[in-house]
Amino acid sequence: MNTITLRKASLEDLELLFKWRNDKQVRLNSLNTDFVLFEQHSEWFLKNLTNRTCKIFILQVDSTPVGTIRLDYRPSESGWVISFSVDPLHRSKGFGKLMVGKCVQECQLFPLIAYVKKDNISSLKIFESLGFNKLDNTLDIPEHLFKFIKRHA
């Protein structure tokens, strides 16, 4: 039986998260598709590791990190925006849904908001299956995105 945990990211995760951030598929599905330099990532990571409005977690199976999920508080939306990615070696195994679901249950931060590209079928299915409401006709987001929201567990 595997032990699956969602733990807070630590300084030791800096390089792993840098690698995952610049993965081709992650960049393709991200709102910011730019390649990030290590210096930029390090500065961002160190600033946000202790920032109360940014929560960074790692999903681990036994001792193996398989993905990361981040919650950023956005005052303009009075909610937490979710972004997540799964290690390329562990994709298509259900870890994305497991990670988002564990985060919803364990973090208890609401509302949760997700912006998903319309062609990112995997993420669309994850948020729909976990009871996030897809907002239609939202004028505040670009045409190529869907906005999802979850107000409680």
Foldseek 3Di string as FASTA:
>chain_A
DWDKDKAFDDPVCLVVVLVQCQPCVNLVWDPHNDRDDSVRSVVVCVVQSPDPQKTKIFIDTRNRTFKIKMWGQDPVVRFTEIDMDTDPVCPPVCVVLVVVLCCQVPVFTDWYKYKTFPPPVVVVVSCVVSPWDWDPPDPPDDPRIIMTIDGHD
